[in-house]
Amino acid sequence: MKNYIKIENDCFYITERLREIDESYFVLYNLDKKCYEIHSNEQKDSYCFSVPFNELDERTIDFAFKTRKENGDKIIEEIERNNLLVYQKSIKNQVEMMKEALCK
């Protein structure tokens, strides 16, 4: 782990709060990717997720809760709902473009 810095403490106590969610969690800063990563001691490949923000803050805690294995069904449902909305919007835009082309 030469390209990582283990984060033991931080000013918002995010590392401690993550361990309240799951005792096996620990935080590494990836020097190559320049981002924080959450890892777990209980996994063969310890990587869990990259923090999608530039700093460790409350959003990291929210993201950790949201992405937990127990919430997998909810996440898939949310993705499918979002995909449907994007598809419907795309169809609507295509219809509008066809109307404009035919009316010219």
Foldseek 3Di string as FASTA:
>chain_A
DVQKDWDDQDPQRLQVLVCVVPVQWTWIQGNVVRFIFIFGPPDPGGTDGTQPDNDDDPVSVVVSVCPDPVNVVVVVVVVVVVVVVVVVVVVVVVVVVVVVVVVD
